[in-house]
Amino acid sequence: MKVTIKLSGSLFNNPFREIRRLSRVITRLYRNEGIRFALVAGGGKIARTYISLGRKLGMDESSLDELGIAVTRLNARLIIAGLRDIAYPKVPSSLEELDLAFSTGKVVVMGGLYPGQSTNAVAALAAERIKSDLFLNTTDVDGIYDKDPNIYPDAKLFKQIRIEELKKLLEDKTFAAGTYELLDPISVRVIERSKIKCLVLKCDPNLIEKAIKMGNVGTTIVI
């Protein structure tokens, strides 16, 4: 079984503890269940801080994206350190490098790739590239809601959502550097065209393991 996981930047709010928890889960599933993994690290608060500073200093959006990409690749290196010998030792900087890394049988950990692409889009493309059986997109909330649950206490969590309905939810979103949340249009198009099984869930290692084993966690995107 091949699984691609987009790791929310919220994982790096308490990186030492959470990377150790994640590493134990990934190592157990890799060694005991034979699951192959591609992981894509988000940027989190550190990336947003750098992007905010860069914007104040007059940097353009593509340069701000590059700042965010650099942070995601540093985060990826921390995860590689946590996974130790089961991880491919380098962070791929292209889909071609992903192919090479994944062919070794090791767990591959990536960050961002190109300006204008969120790590959600990178993870969707990675899932498509390695022909994943499952794509987990983790966030700082429990799944996909009809509105922002951090703002609206009456927000409704979808257990399932059709991809056309998801597109409508995303229509009014903005996608400047540092603002990518949940899924963006590129990632949705990739999921749709490749018919990848996708769950959106909270970035918690125990929930990630449950989603892989049982599949009934967070929100399932129905294509």
Protein backbone atom coordinates (compact mmCIF):
# COMPACT_ATOMS: atom_id res chain seq x y z
CA MET A 1 0.00 0.00 0.00
CA LYS A 2 1.27 3.47 -0.92
CA VAL A 3 0.21 6.46 1.17
CA THR A 4 0.95 10.15 0.63
CA ILE A 5 0.48 12.48 3.59
CA LYS A 6 0.42 16.26 3.55
CA LEU A 7 1.58 17.24 7.04
CA SER A 8 -0.01 20.42 8.34
CA GLY A 9 2.30 23.21 9.39
CA SER A 10 0.62 22.95 12.80
CA LEU A 11 2.78 19.85 13.40
CA PHE A 12 5.72 22.21 13.83
CA ASN A 13 4.10 24.29 16.58
CA ASN A 14 5.57 21.75 19.01
CA PRO A 15 8.03 20.06 16.65
CA PHE A 16 10.15 17.89 18.94
CA ARG A 17 7.21 16.13 20.57
CA GLU A 18 5.07 15.86 17.43
CA ILE A 19 7.86 14.71 15.12
CA ARG A 20 8.75 11.97 17.61
CA ARG A 21 5.09 10.88 17.78
CA LEU A 22 4.77 10.93 13.99
CA SER A 23 8.04 9.05 13.53
CA ARG A 24 6.91 6.24 15.81
CA VAL A 25 3.66 5.82 13.86
CA ILE A 26 5.28 5.96 10.41
CA THR A 27 8.08 3.58 11.47
CA ARG A 28 5.60 1.07 12.89
CA LEU A 29 3.41 1.10 9.76
CA TYR A 30 6.44 0.95 7.47
CA ARG A 31 8.14 -1.94 9.26
CA ASN A 32 5.14 -3.97 10.41
CA GLU A 33 2.57 -3.29 7.67
CA GLY A 34 4.89 -2.74 4.70
CA ILE A 35 3.30 0.61 3.87
CA ARG A 36 5.24 2.90 1.53
CA PHE A 37 5.13 6.61 2.38
CA ALA A 38 5.65 9.96 0.73
CA LEU A 39 5.33 12.82 3.22
CA VAL A 40 5.03 16.51 2.38
CA ALA A 41 5.77 19.02 5.13
CA GLY A 42 3.91 22.30 5.48
CA GLY A 43 5.50 25.57 6.56
CA GLY A 44 3.47 26.52 9.62
CA LYS A 45 3.95 29.62 11.74
CA ILE A 46 7.62 30.00 10.86
CA ALA A 47 6.86 30.22 7.15
CA ARG A 48 4.05 32.71 7.77
CA THR A 49 6.38 34.84 9.89
CA TYR A 50 9.03 34.98 7.16
CA ILE A 51 6.44 35.68 4.48
CA SER A 52 4.89 38.47 6.53
CA LEU A 53 8.29 40.08 7.06
CA GLY A 54 9.19 39.69 3.40
CA ARG A 55 5.91 41.26 2.31
CA LYS A 56 6.53 44.27 4.58
CA LEU A 57 9.99 44.59 3.02
CA GLY A 58 8.44 44.72 -0.46
CA MET A 59 9.14 41.23 -1.80
CA ASP A 60 6.96 40.02 -4.68
CA GLU A 61 4.63 37.04 -4.32
CA SER A 62 6.86 34.53 -6.14
CA SER A 63 9.81 35.47 -3.91
CA LEU A 64 7.57 35.11 -0.87
CA ASP A 65 6.59 31.66 -2.11
CA GLU A 66 10.29 30.78 -2.32
CA LEU A 67 10.73 31.83 1.32
CA GLY A 68 7.88 29.51 2.29
CA ILE A 69 9.33 26.67 0.22
CA ALA A 70 12.68 27.04 1.98
CA VAL A 71 10.99 26.68 5.38
CA THR A 72 9.01 23.60 4.31
CA ARG A 73 12.23 21.94 3.19
CA LEU A 74 13.83 22.67 6.56
CA ASN A 75 10.79 21.13 8.23
CA ALA A 76 11.16 18.10 5.95
CA ARG A 77 14.76 17.68 7.11
CA LEU A 78 13.59 17.55 10.72
CA ILE A 79 11.16 14.76 9.87
CA ILE A 80 13.91 12.88 8.04
CA ALA A 81 16.02 13.15 11.19
CA GLY A 82 13.13 11.76 13.26
CA LEU A 83 12.60 8.80 10.91
CA ARG A 84 16.30 7.93 10.91
CA ASP A 85 17.30 4.93 8.80
CA ILE A 86 13.91 4.37 7.14
CA ALA A 87 13.96 7.81 5.51
CA TYR A 88 15.52 8.77 2.20
CA PRO A 89 18.27 11.17 3.34
CA LYS A 90 17.63 14.05 0.95
CA VAL A 91 14.62 16.31 0.33
CA PRO A 92 13.48 16.00 -3.32
CA SER A 93 13.17 19.33 -5.11
CA SER A 94 11.23 18.02 -8.13
CA LEU A 95 8.84 15.23 -9.07
CA GLU A 96 11.68 13.57 -10.97
CA GLU A 97 13.73 13.46 -7.78
CA LEU A 98 10.69 12.05 -5.98
CA ASP A 99 10.63 9.17 -8.49
CA LEU A 100 14.27 8.35 -7.77
CA ALA A 101 13.88 8.65 -4.01
CA PHE A 102 10.71 6.56 -3.86
CA SER A 103 12.29 3.81 -5.96
CA THR A 104 14.75 3.13 -3.11
CA GLY A 105 11.93 1.85 -0.91
CA LYS A 106 12.64 4.44 1.79
CA VAL A 107 10.14 6.92 3.24
CA VAL A 108 10.41 10.10 1.18
CA VAL A 109 9.91 13.50 2.82
CA MET A 110 9.40 16.62 0.73
CA GLY A 111 8.61 20.28 1.17
CA GLY A 112 7.35 22.72 -1.42
CA LEU A 113 8.46 22.62 -5.05
CA TYR A 114 7.56 25.65 -7.12
CA PRO A 115 6.29 29.21 -6.51
CA GLY A 116 2.53 29.42 -6.93
CA GLN A 117 1.97 25.89 -5.63
CA SER A 118 0.87 25.17 -2.09
CA THR A 119 2.21 22.13 -0.29
CA ASN A 120 -1.34 20.77 -0.63
CA ALA A 121 -0.87 20.86 -4.40
CA VAL A 122 2.61 19.33 -4.10
CA ALA A 123 1.22 16.49 -1.98
CA ALA A 124 -1.59 15.84 -4.47
CA LEU A 125 0.92 15.77 -7.34
CA ALA A 126 3.19 13.46 -5.33
CA ALA A 127 0.24 11.13 -4.66
CA GLU A 128 -0.55 11.10 -8.35
CA ARG A 129 3.07 10.55 -9.34
CA ILE A 130 3.68 7.51 -7.14
CA LYS A 131 0.14 6.18 -7.72
CA SER A 132 -0.86 6.33 -4.08
CA ASP A 133 -3.68 4.18 -2.80
CA LEU A 134 -4.51 6.85 -0.24
CA PHE A 135 -3.89 10.58 0.14
CA LEU A 136 -4.22 12.07 3.62
CA ASN A 137 -4.41 15.86 3.77
CA THR A 138 -3.95 16.88 7.39
CA THR A 139 -4.95 20.26 8.81
CA ASP A 140 -5.27 22.01 12.17
CA VAL A 141 -9.00 21.14 12.36
CA ASP A 142 -10.98 17.89 12.20
CA GLY A 143 -11.77 17.94 8.48
CA ILE A 144 -13.71 20.03 5.96
CA TYR A 145 -16.36 22.36 7.35
CA ASP A 146 -18.98 24.48 5.65
CA LYS A 147 -17.22 27.53 7.15
CA ASP A 148 -14.17 28.27 9.27
CA PRO A 149 -14.65 26.46 12.63
CA ASN A 150 -12.03 28.70 14.23
CA ILE A 151 -14.36 31.67 13.66
CA TYR A 152 -17.86 30.16 13.59
CA PRO A 153 -18.79 27.84 16.48
CA ASP A 154 -21.78 26.54 14.50
CA ALA A 155 -19.62 25.35 11.59
CA LYS A 156 -20.72 21.96 10.25
CA LEU A 157 -18.19 19.17 9.71
CA PHE A 158 -18.72 17.10 6.56
CA LYS A 159 -18.11 13.37 6.95
CA GLN A 160 -18.21 13.20 3.16
CA ILE A 161 -18.17 15.92 0.54
CA ARG A 162 -18.56 15.64 -3.21
CA ILE A 163 -15.74 17.25 -5.13
CA GLU A 164 -18.10 19.64 -6.95
CA GLU A 165 -19.35 20.90 -3.59
CA LEU A 166 -15.75 21.30 -2.42
CA LYS A 167 -14.97 23.42 -5.47
CA LYS A 168 -17.83 25.75 -4.58
CA LEU A 169 -16.53 26.10 -1.02
CA LEU A 170 -13.14 27.14 -2.39
CA GLU A 171 -14.45 29.65 -4.93
CA ASP A 172 -14.18 32.67 -2.64
CA LYS A 173 -10.80 31.76 -1.14
CA THR A 174 -7.66 33.80 -1.80
CA PHE A 175 -4.38 32.04 -2.46
CA ALA A 176 -1.56 34.51 -1.88
CA ALA A 177 1.73 33.26 -0.45
CA GLY A 178 1.33 32.09 3.15
CA THR A 179 -2.46 31.82 2.99
CA TYR A 180 -2.90 28.31 1.59
CA GLU A 181 -5.20 26.38 3.88
CA LEU A 182 -7.12 23.14 3.54
CA LEU A 183 -6.98 22.50 -0.24
CA ASP A 184 -6.43 24.82 -3.16
CA PRO A 185 -7.78 24.56 -6.75
CA ILE A 186 -4.66 22.82 -8.08
CA SER A 187 -4.82 20.05 -5.48
CA VAL A 188 -8.55 19.56 -6.06
CA ARG A 189 -8.02 19.24 -9.84
CA VAL A 190 -5.28 16.66 -9.33
CA ILE A 191 -7.42 14.64 -6.91
CA GLU A 192 -10.31 14.74 -9.35
CA ARG A 193 -8.40 13.78 -12.48
CA SER A 194 -6.48 10.95 -10.82
CA LYS A 195 -9.42 9.74 -8.71
CA ILE A 196 -7.18 9.51 -5.66
CA LYS A 197 -8.89 8.39 -2.46
CA CYS A 198 -8.51 11.44 -0.21
CA LEU A 199 -9.28 12.05 3.46
CA VAL A 200 -8.95 15.44 5.16
CA LEU A 201 -8.30 15.15 8.90
CA LYS A 202 -6.60 16.72 11.89
CA CYS A 203 -2.81 16.45 11.94
CA ASP A 204 -2.50 14.00 14.81
CA PRO A 205 -0.29 10.90 14.45
CA ASN A 206 -2.85 8.65 16.15
CA LEU A 207 -5.58 9.83 13.78
CA ILE A 208 -3.25 9.34 10.81
CA GLU A 209 -2.72 5.72 11.83
CA LYS A 210 -6.45 5.21 12.34
CA ALA A 211 -7.22 6.75 8.92
CA ILE A 212 -4.77 4.40 7.20
CA LYS A 213 -6.08 1.31 8.98
CA MET A 214 -9.81 2.11 9.12
CA GLY A 215 -10.47 5.01 6.74
CA ASN A 216 -13.33 6.57 8.71
CA VAL A 217 -11.57 9.66 10.04
CA GLY A 218 -12.19 13.31 9.16
CA THR A 219 -13.82 14.09 5.79
CA THR A 220 -13.80 11.82 2.75
CA ILE A 221 -13.76 13.55 -0.62
CA VAL A 222 -16.14 11.75 -2.98
CA ILE A 223 -15.24 11.89 -6.67
